[in-house]
Amino acid sequence: MNKIYPSAAAALQGIVHDGQLLAVGGFGLCGIPEALIDALQASGVKNLTVISNNAGVDGFGLGKLLETRQIRKMISSYVGENKEFERQYLAGELELEFTPQGTLAEKLRAGGAGIPAFYTRTGVGTLVAEGKETREFDGKVYVMERALMPEVSLVKAWKADKSGNLVFRRTARNFNPAVAMAGRTTVVEVEEIVETGTFDPDAVHLPGIYVSRIVLNAHPEKRIEKRTIREKTGA
């Protein structure tokens, strides 16, 4: 089975549609699938519910989809770097399911493992627990959280072989493996594609069984959220 597609647009063709639940890997702007996000924007799909730790920044990453009003709802744990996100949310134009970061990671992991729900103490007695089932275990109250199982997951990895086995680079791994495992269809953007069998099996971070489609983006921008330069001081 050939998993390699000639472009990000081709890799999304036939699998994205209006009103869909998607998950996007990355943490801030580290490890985001830049080319796939651009292709998603160009596809024109709208009314999306997007699961991602962050919502990008103004003009980059998922911030592009916010500017074009293609996202209806975000399921996130941190959204503080995006003024357009703030504007839309405060104006009632964008829904937000605010989720503690560890809970978000576990909701994705559970989805990939086929676990429909789990209990956690995180959020008990706060807005996070409102409307959710709670149970007591060993004298302590826990809130039930449902797993996340997106229809499509968009992921960034460093390298892939032609079978879809993935290697991530340092902190860019972040949410990407969990996002990849949770998706029914997972599309991966990589900087290098090698022949199957090139990787030492112990070096594989995510097996190819979780990967449906691969697209090459050899030269991503890899923008950082904030650039701070310290003035040189005299010797």
C-alpha atoms as a PDB file:
ATOM      1  CA  MET A   1       0.000   0.000   0.000  1.00  0.00           C
ATOM      2  CA  ASN A   2       1.482   3.351  -1.072  1.00  0.00           C
ATOM      3  CA  LYS A   3       1.139   5.882   1.756  1.00  0.00           C
ATOM      4  CA  ILE A   4       3.140   8.678   0.112  1.00  0.00           C
ATOM      5  CA  TYR A   5       1.244  11.571  -1.493  1.00  0.00           C
ATOM      6  CA  PRO A   6       2.742  14.200  -3.807  1.00  0.00           C
ATOM      7  CA  SER A   7       1.462  17.217  -1.885  1.00  0.00           C
ATOM      8  CA  ALA A   8      -0.339  18.221   1.296  1.00  0.00           C
ATOM      9  CA  ALA A   9      -3.438  19.053  -0.739  1.00  0.00           C
ATOM     10  CA  ALA A  10      -3.442  15.579  -2.287  1.00  0.00           C
ATOM     11  CA  ALA A  11      -2.976  13.975   1.128  1.00  0.00           C
ATOM     12  CA  LEU A  12      -6.140  15.672   2.429  1.00  0.00           C
ATOM     13  CA  GLN A  13      -8.247  15.048  -0.655  1.00  0.00           C
ATOM     14  CA  GLY A  14     -11.344  12.983   0.046  1.00  0.00           C
ATOM     15  CA  ILE A  15     -10.915  12.804   3.825  1.00  0.00           C
ATOM     16  CA  VAL A  16     -11.709  16.323   5.082  1.00  0.00           C
ATOM     17  CA  HIS A  17     -15.195  17.832   5.059  1.00  0.00           C
ATOM     18  CA  ASP A  18     -17.342  20.478   6.736  1.00  0.00           C
ATOM     19  CA  GLY A  19     -18.309  19.957  10.376  1.00  0.00           C
ATOM     20  CA  GLN A  20     -15.525  17.499  11.057  1.00  0.00           C
ATOM     21  CA  LEU A  21     -13.682  16.664  14.287  1.00  0.00           C
ATOM     22  CA  LEU A  22      -9.935  16.958  13.670  1.00  0.00           C
ATOM     23  CA  ALA A  23      -6.844  16.783  15.866  1.00  0.00           C
ATOM     24  CA  VAL A  24      -3.638  18.659  15.119  1.00  0.00           C
ATOM     25  CA  GLY A  25      -0.289  17.857  16.711  1.00  0.00           C
ATOM     26  CA  GLY A  26       2.211  20.306  18.136  1.00  0.00           C
ATOM     27  CA  PHE A  27       2.844  22.383  21.220  1.00  0.00           C
ATOM     28  CA  GLY A  28       2.673  26.095  20.559  1.00  0.00           C
ATOM     29  CA  LEU A  29       4.353  26.309  17.163  1.00  0.00           C
ATOM     30  CA  CYS A  30       6.782  23.461  17.926  1.00  0.00           C
ATOM     31  CA  GLY A  31       6.038  20.350  15.903  1.00  0.00           C
ATOM     32  CA  ILE A  32       2.995  21.667  14.034  1.00  0.00           C
ATOM     33  CA  PRO A  33       2.199  20.265  10.549  1.00  0.00           C
ATOM     34  CA  GLU A  34       2.631  23.591   8.725  1.00  0.00           C
ATOM     35  CA  ALA A  35       1.997  22.368   5.170  1.00  0.00           C
ATOM     36  CA  LEU A  36      -1.054  20.337   6.176  1.00  0.00           C
ATOM     37  CA  ILE A  37      -2.576  23.301   8.014  1.00  0.00           C
ATOM     38  CA  ASP A  38      -2.054  25.463   4.919  1.00  0.00           C
ATOM     39  CA  ALA A  39      -3.663  22.776   2.751  1.00  0.00           C
ATOM     40  CA  LEU A  40      -6.591  22.515   5.157  1.00  0.00           C
ATOM     41  CA  GLN A  41      -7.091  26.268   4.896  1.00  0.00           C
ATOM     42  CA  ALA A  42      -6.919  26.118   1.095  1.00  0.00           C
ATOM     43  CA  SER A  43      -9.485  23.276   1.005  1.00  0.00           C
ATOM     44  CA  GLY A  44     -12.164  25.682   2.258  1.00  0.00           C
ATOM     45  CA  VAL A  45     -13.721  23.240   4.727  1.00  0.00           C
ATOM     46  CA  LYS A  46     -15.550  24.993   7.542  1.00  0.00           C
ATOM     47  CA  ASN A  47     -17.405  24.520  10.844  1.00  0.00           C
ATOM     48  CA  LEU A  48     -14.508  22.431  12.123  1.00  0.00           C
ATOM     49  CA  THR A  49     -14.006  21.270  15.688  1.00  0.00           C
ATOM     50  CA  VAL A  50     -10.253  21.162  16.225  1.00  0.00           C
ATOM     51  CA  ILE A  51      -8.411  19.405  19.036  1.00  0.00           C
ATOM     52  CA  SER A  52      -5.007  20.934  19.681  1.00  0.00           C
ATOM     53  CA  ASN A  53      -3.058  21.948  22.747  1.00  0.00           C
ATOM     54  CA  ASN A  54      -2.785  25.478  21.335  1.00  0.00           C
ATOM     55  CA  ALA A  55      -4.605  27.480  18.687  1.00  0.00           C
ATOM     56  CA  GLY A  56      -1.516  28.768  16.915  1.00  0.00           C
ATOM     57  CA  VAL A  57      -0.708  32.475  16.810  1.00  0.00           C
ATOM     58  CA  ASP A  58      -2.117  35.301  14.730  1.00  0.00           C
ATOM     59  CA  GLY A  59      -1.288  34.568  11.109  1.00  0.00           C
ATOM     60  CA  PHE A  60       0.440  31.214  11.592  1.00  0.00           C
ATOM     61  CA  GLY A  61      -0.468  27.645  12.404  1.00  0.00           C
ATOM     62  CA  LEU A  62      -4.102  27.185  13.386  1.00  0.00           C
ATOM     63  CA  GLY A  63      -4.319  30.978  13.642  1.00  0.00           C
ATOM     64  CA  LYS A  64      -4.701  30.957   9.851  1.00  0.00           C
ATOM     65  CA  LEU A  65      -7.871  28.875  10.111  1.00  0.00           C
ATOM     66  CA  LEU A  66      -9.255  31.197  12.763  1.00  0.00           C
ATOM     67  CA  GLU A  67      -8.702  34.197  10.508  1.00  0.00           C
ATOM     68  CA  THR A  68     -10.668  32.528   7.704  1.00  0.00           C
ATOM     69  CA  ARG A  69     -13.393  31.482  10.172  1.00  0.00           C
ATOM     70  CA  GLN A  70     -13.078  27.798   9.339  1.00  0.00           C
ATOM     71  CA  ILE A  71     -12.993  26.691  12.996  1.00  0.00           C
ATOM     72  CA  ARG A  72     -16.269  26.591  14.918  1.00  0.00           C
ATOM     73  CA  LYS A  73     -14.929  25.068  18.142  1.00  0.00           C
ATOM     74  CA  MET A  74     -11.538  24.497  19.773  1.00  0.00           C
ATOM     75  CA  ILE A  75     -10.713  21.792  22.304  1.00  0.00           C
ATOM     76  CA  SER A  76      -7.515  23.143  23.849  1.00  0.00           C
ATOM     77  CA  SER A  77      -5.540  23.689  27.025  1.00  0.00           C
ATOM     78  CA  TYR A  78      -3.789  26.984  26.200  1.00  0.00           C
ATOM     79  CA  VAL A  79      -4.902  29.758  23.865  1.00  0.00           C
ATOM     80  CA  GLY A  80      -3.136  32.831  25.214  1.00  0.00           C
ATOM     81  CA  GLU A  81      -0.966  33.743  22.201  1.00  0.00           C
ATOM     82  CA  ASN A  82      -3.759  34.463  19.727  1.00  0.00           C
ATOM     83  CA  LYS A  83      -5.586  37.800  19.766  1.00  0.00           C
ATOM     84  CA  GLU A  84      -8.039  36.740  17.047  1.00  0.00           C
ATOM     85  CA  PHE A  85      -8.937  33.694  19.118  1.00  0.00           C
ATOM     86  CA  GLU A  86      -9.594  35.969  22.080  1.00  0.00           C
ATOM     87  CA  ARG A  87     -11.710  38.340  19.998  1.00  0.00           C
ATOM     88  CA  GLN A  88     -13.858  35.564  18.514  1.00  0.00           C
ATOM     89  CA  TYR A  89     -14.332  33.827  21.853  1.00  0.00           C
ATOM     90  CA  LEU A  90     -15.323  36.969  23.751  1.00  0.00           C
ATOM     91  CA  ALA A  91     -17.687  37.920  20.926  1.00  0.00           C
ATOM     92  CA  GLY A  92     -19.416  34.527  21.123  1.00  0.00           C
ATOM     93  CA  GLU A  93     -18.241  33.585  17.633  1.00  0.00           C
ATOM     94  CA  LEU A  94     -16.051  30.656  18.685  1.00  0.00           C
ATOM     95  CA  GLU A  95     -16.780  27.780  21.072  1.00  0.00           C
ATOM     96  CA  LEU A  96     -14.086  26.610  23.471  1.00  0.00           C
ATOM     97  CA  GLU A  97     -13.862  23.390  25.449  1.00  0.00           C
ATOM     98  CA  PHE A  98     -11.094  24.327  27.844  1.00  0.00           C
ATOM     99  CA  THR A  99      -9.271  21.195  28.985  1.00  0.00           C
ATOM    100  CA  PRO A 100      -6.400  20.779  31.475  1.00  0.00           C
ATOM    101  CA  GLN A 101      -3.253  19.868  29.577  1.00  0.00           C
ATOM    102  CA  GLY A 102      -2.688  16.479  31.210  1.00  0.00           C
ATOM    103  CA  THR A 103      -6.349  15.604  30.760  1.00  0.00           C
ATOM    104  CA  LEU A 104      -6.175  16.554  27.080  1.00  0.00           C
ATOM    105  CA  ALA A 105      -3.150  14.307  26.601  1.00  0.00           C
ATOM    106  CA  GLU A 106      -4.910  11.417  28.348  1.00  0.00           C
ATOM    107  CA  LYS A 107      -8.148  11.936  26.368  1.00  0.00           C
ATOM    108  CA  LEU A 108      -6.117  11.503  23.171  1.00  0.00           C
ATOM    109  CA  ARG A 109      -4.123   8.568  24.530  1.00  0.00           C
ATOM    110  CA  ALA A 110      -7.329   6.856  25.653  1.00  0.00           C
ATOM    111  CA  GLY A 111      -8.865   7.410  22.235  1.00  0.00           C
ATOM    112  CA  GLY A 112      -5.890   5.742  20.582  1.00  0.00           C
ATOM    113  CA  ALA A 113      -6.071   2.822  23.026  1.00  0.00           C
ATOM    114  CA  GLY A 114      -9.793   2.267  22.471  1.00  0.00           C
ATOM    115  CA  ILE A 115     -10.718   3.357  26.004  1.00  0.00           C
ATOM    116  CA  PRO A 116     -13.984   5.344  25.840  1.00  0.00           C
ATOM    117  CA  ALA A 117     -13.627   7.198  29.145  1.00  0.00           C
ATOM    118  CA  PHE A 118     -11.572   7.461  32.327  1.00  0.00           C
ATOM    119  CA  TYR A 119     -11.707   9.069  35.764  1.00  0.00           C
ATOM    120  CA  THR A 120      -9.383  11.809  37.009  1.00  0.00           C
ATOM    121  CA  ARG A 121      -9.214  14.122  40.017  1.00  0.00           C
ATOM    122  CA  THR A 122      -8.118  17.028  37.809  1.00  0.00           C
ATOM    123  CA  GLY A 123     -10.875  19.623  37.579  1.00  0.00           C
ATOM    124  CA  VAL A 124     -13.031  18.346  40.431  1.00  0.00           C
ATOM    125  CA  GLY A 125     -14.936  21.256  41.992  1.00  0.00           C
ATOM    126  CA  THR A 126     -14.199  23.604  39.090  1.00  0.00           C
ATOM    127  CA  LEU A 127     -15.895  24.665  35.853  1.00  0.00           C
ATOM    128  CA  VAL A 128     -14.077  21.790  34.141  1.00  0.00           C
ATOM    129  CA  ALA A 129     -16.287  19.275  35.963  1.00  0.00           C
ATOM    130  CA  GLU A 130     -19.624  20.969  35.337  1.00  0.00           C
ATOM    131  CA  GLY A 131     -22.136  18.627  33.694  1.00  0.00           C
ATOM    132  CA  LYS A 132     -19.831  15.619  33.946  1.00  0.00           C
ATOM    133  CA  GLU A 133     -20.315  12.408  35.873  1.00  0.00           C
ATOM    134  CA  THR A 134     -18.376  12.083  39.133  1.00  0.00           C
ATOM    135  CA  ARG A 135     -17.611   9.047  41.280  1.00  0.00           C
ATOM    136  CA  GLU A 136     -15.927   8.427  44.588  1.00  0.00           C
ATOM    137  CA  PHE A 137     -12.983   6.043  44.849  1.00  0.00           C
ATOM    138  CA  ASP A 138     -11.253   5.415  48.189  1.00  0.00           C
ATOM    139  CA  GLY A 139     -12.868   8.470  49.689  1.00  0.00           C
ATOM    140  CA  LYS A 140     -11.880  10.842  46.898  1.00  0.00           C
ATOM    141  CA  VAL A 141     -14.047  12.349  44.143  1.00  0.00           C
ATOM    142  CA  TYR A 142     -13.119  11.850  40.505  1.00  0.00           C
ATOM    143  CA  VAL A 143     -14.618  13.312  37.336  1.00  0.00           C
ATOM    144  CA  MET A 144     -15.250  11.187  34.251  1.00  0.00           C
ATOM    145  CA  GLU A 145     -13.660  12.405  31.026  1.00  0.00           C
ATOM    146  CA  ARG A 146     -14.573  11.045  27.595  1.00  0.00           C
ATOM    147  CA  ALA A 147     -11.820   9.993  25.208  1.00  0.00           C
ATOM    148  CA  LEU A 148     -11.181  11.913  21.982  1.00  0.00           C
ATOM    149  CA  MET A 149     -11.364  10.016  18.689  1.00  0.00           C
ATOM    150  CA  PRO A 150     -10.988  12.498  15.814  1.00  0.00           C
ATOM    151  CA  GLU A 151     -12.001  11.571  12.289  1.00  0.00           C
ATOM    152  CA  VAL A 152      -8.722  12.945  10.949  1.00  0.00           C
ATOM    153  CA  SER A 153      -5.418  13.672  12.682  1.00  0.00           C
ATOM    154  CA  LEU A 154      -2.739  15.947  11.224  1.00  0.00           C
ATOM    155  CA  VAL A 155       0.729  15.217  12.561  1.00  0.00           C
ATOM    156  CA  LYS A 156       4.312  16.427  12.153  1.00  0.00           C
ATOM    157  CA  ALA A 157       7.281  14.044  12.387  1.00  0.00           C
ATOM    158  CA  TRP A 158      10.951  14.366  11.492  1.00  0.00           C
ATOM    159  CA  LYS A 159      11.372  11.215   9.393  1.00  0.00           C
ATOM    160  CA  ALA A 160       9.188   8.441   8.018  1.00  0.00           C
ATOM    161  CA  ASP A 161       9.949   5.301   6.115  1.00  0.00           C
ATOM    162  CA  LYS A 162       7.712   4.279   3.240  1.00  0.00           C
ATOM    163  CA  SER A 163       5.660   2.068   5.555  1.00  0.00           C
ATOM    164  CA  GLY A 164       4.842   5.030   7.789  1.00  0.00           C
ATOM    165  CA  ASN A 165       7.097   4.222  10.741  1.00  0.00           C
ATOM    166  CA  LEU A 166       7.935   7.573  12.349  1.00  0.00           C
ATOM    167  CA  VAL A 167      10.814   9.237  14.141  1.00  0.00           C
ATOM    168  CA  PHE A 168      10.202  12.549  15.908  1.00  0.00           C
ATOM    169  CA  ARG A 169      12.871  15.127  16.715  1.00  0.00           C
ATOM    170  CA  ARG A 170      13.348  16.148  20.328  1.00  0.00           C
ATOM    171  CA  THR A 171      10.573  18.304  21.829  1.00  0.00           C
ATOM    172  CA  ALA A 172       8.700  18.378  18.509  1.00  0.00           C
ATOM    173  CA  ARG A 173       7.410  14.945  19.507  1.00  0.00           C
ATOM    174  CA  ASN A 174       5.101  16.528  22.171  1.00  0.00           C
ATOM    175  CA  PHE A 175       1.413  15.785  21.401  1.00  0.00           C
ATOM    176  CA  ASN A 176       2.081  14.278  17.967  1.00  0.00           C
ATOM    177  CA  PRO A 177       2.199  10.534  18.830  1.00  0.00           C
ATOM    178  CA  ALA A 178      -1.020  10.718  20.877  1.00  0.00           C
ATOM    179  CA  VAL A 179      -2.755  12.699  18.141  1.00  0.00           C
ATOM    180  CA  ALA A 180      -1.599  10.186  15.532  1.00  0.00           C
ATOM    181  CA  MET A 181      -2.833   7.189  17.498  1.00  0.00           C
ATOM    182  CA  ALA A 182      -6.232   8.732  18.249  1.00  0.00           C
ATOM    183  CA  GLY A 183      -7.191   9.555  14.658  1.00  0.00           C
ATOM    184  CA  ARG A 184      -9.239   7.243  12.474  1.00  0.00           C
ATOM    185  CA  THR A 185      -7.231   8.562   9.535  1.00  0.00           C
ATOM    186  CA  THR A 186      -3.801  10.027  10.280  1.00  0.00           C
ATOM    187  CA  VAL A 187      -1.886  12.203   7.829  1.00  0.00           C
ATOM    188  CA  VAL A 188       1.758  12.888   8.617  1.00  0.00           C
ATOM    189  CA  GLU A 189       4.003  15.663   7.330  1.00  0.00           C
ATOM    190  CA  VAL A 190       7.717  14.800   7.459  1.00  0.00           C
ATOM    191  CA  GLU A 191      11.039  16.368   6.531  1.00  0.00           C
ATOM    192  CA  GLU A 192      12.541  13.175   5.134  1.00  0.00           C
ATOM    193  CA  ILE A 193      11.243   9.887   3.723  1.00  0.00           C
ATOM    194  CA  VAL A 194      13.509   6.834   3.699  1.00  0.00           C
ATOM    195  CA  GLU A 195      13.208   3.246   2.529  1.00  0.00           C
ATOM    196  CA  THR A 196      11.395   0.749   4.726  1.00  0.00           C
ATOM    197  CA  GLY A 197      13.943  -1.081   6.856  1.00  0.00           C
ATOM    198  CA  THR A 198      16.245   1.923   7.217  1.00  0.00           C
ATOM    199  CA  PHE A 199      15.325   2.539  10.856  1.00  0.00           C
ATOM    200  CA  ASP A 200      16.572   0.377  13.676  1.00  0.00           C
ATOM    201  CA  PRO A 201      13.301  -1.022  15.083  1.00  0.00           C
ATOM    202  CA  ASP A 202      14.254   0.284  18.536  1.00  0.00           C
ATOM    203  CA  ALA A 203      14.558   3.807  17.078  1.00  0.00           C
ATOM    204  CA  VAL A 204      10.957   3.933  15.820  1.00  0.00           C
ATOM    205  CA  HIS A 205       8.832   6.258  17.941  1.00  0.00           C
ATOM    206  CA  LEU A 206       5.482   5.406  16.329  1.00  0.00           C
ATOM    207  CA  PRO A 207       4.700   2.302  14.232  1.00  0.00           C
ATOM    208  CA  GLY A 208       3.391   2.744  10.702  1.00  0.00           C
ATOM    209  CA  ILE A 209       0.126   0.960  11.534  1.00  0.00           C
ATOM    210  CA  TYR A 210      -1.152   4.292  12.856  1.00  0.00           C
ATOM    211  CA  VAL A 211      -0.226   6.231   9.707  1.00  0.00           C
ATOM    212  CA  SER A 212      -2.529   6.404   6.688  1.00  0.00           C
ATOM    213  CA  ARG A 213      -0.887   9.060   4.491  1.00  0.00           C
ATOM    214  CA  ILE A 214       2.526  10.750   4.311  1.00  0.00           C
ATOM    215  CA  VAL A 215       3.568  14.009   2.673  1.00  0.00           C
ATOM    216  CA  LEU A 216       7.076  15.442   2.360  1.00  0.00           C
ATOM    217  CA  ASN A 217       7.808  18.993   3.525  1.00  0.00           C
ATOM    218  CA  ALA A 218      11.601  19.103   3.429  1.00  0.00           C
ATOM    219  CA  HIS A 219      11.953  22.759   4.410  1.00  0.00           C
ATOM    220  CA  PRO A 220       9.327  23.832   6.968  1.00  0.00           C
ATOM    221  CA  GLU A 221       9.516  27.343   8.351  1.00  0.00           C
ATOM    222  CA  LYS A 222       9.542  26.233  12.014  1.00  0.00           C
ATOM    223  CA  ARG A 223       8.580  29.659  13.286  1.00  0.00           C
ATOM    224  CA  ILE A 224       8.864  30.376  17.007  1.00  0.00           C
ATOM    225  CA  GLU A 225       6.130  32.105  18.990  1.00  0.00           C
ATOM    226  CA  LYS A 226       8.233  34.908  20.437  1.00  0.00           C
ATOM    227  CA  ARG A 227      11.699  36.018  19.505  1.00  0.00           C
ATOM    228  CA  THR A 228      13.548  37.743  22.317  1.00  0.00           C
ATOM    229  CA  ILE A 229      16.974  39.232  21.755  1.00  0.00           C
ATOM    230  CA  ARG A 230      19.142  40.325  24.658  1.00  0.00           C
ATOM    231  CA  GLU A 231      21.435  43.248  24.066  1.00  0.00           C
ATOM    232  CA  LYS A 232      25.113  42.508  24.422  1.00  0.00           C
ATOM    233  CA  THR A 233      26.707  43.899  27.519  1.00  0.00           C
ATOM    234  CA  GLY A 234      30.213  45.240  27.724  1.00  0.00           C
ATOM    235  CA  ALA A 235      33.029  42.923  28.690  1.00  0.00           C
END
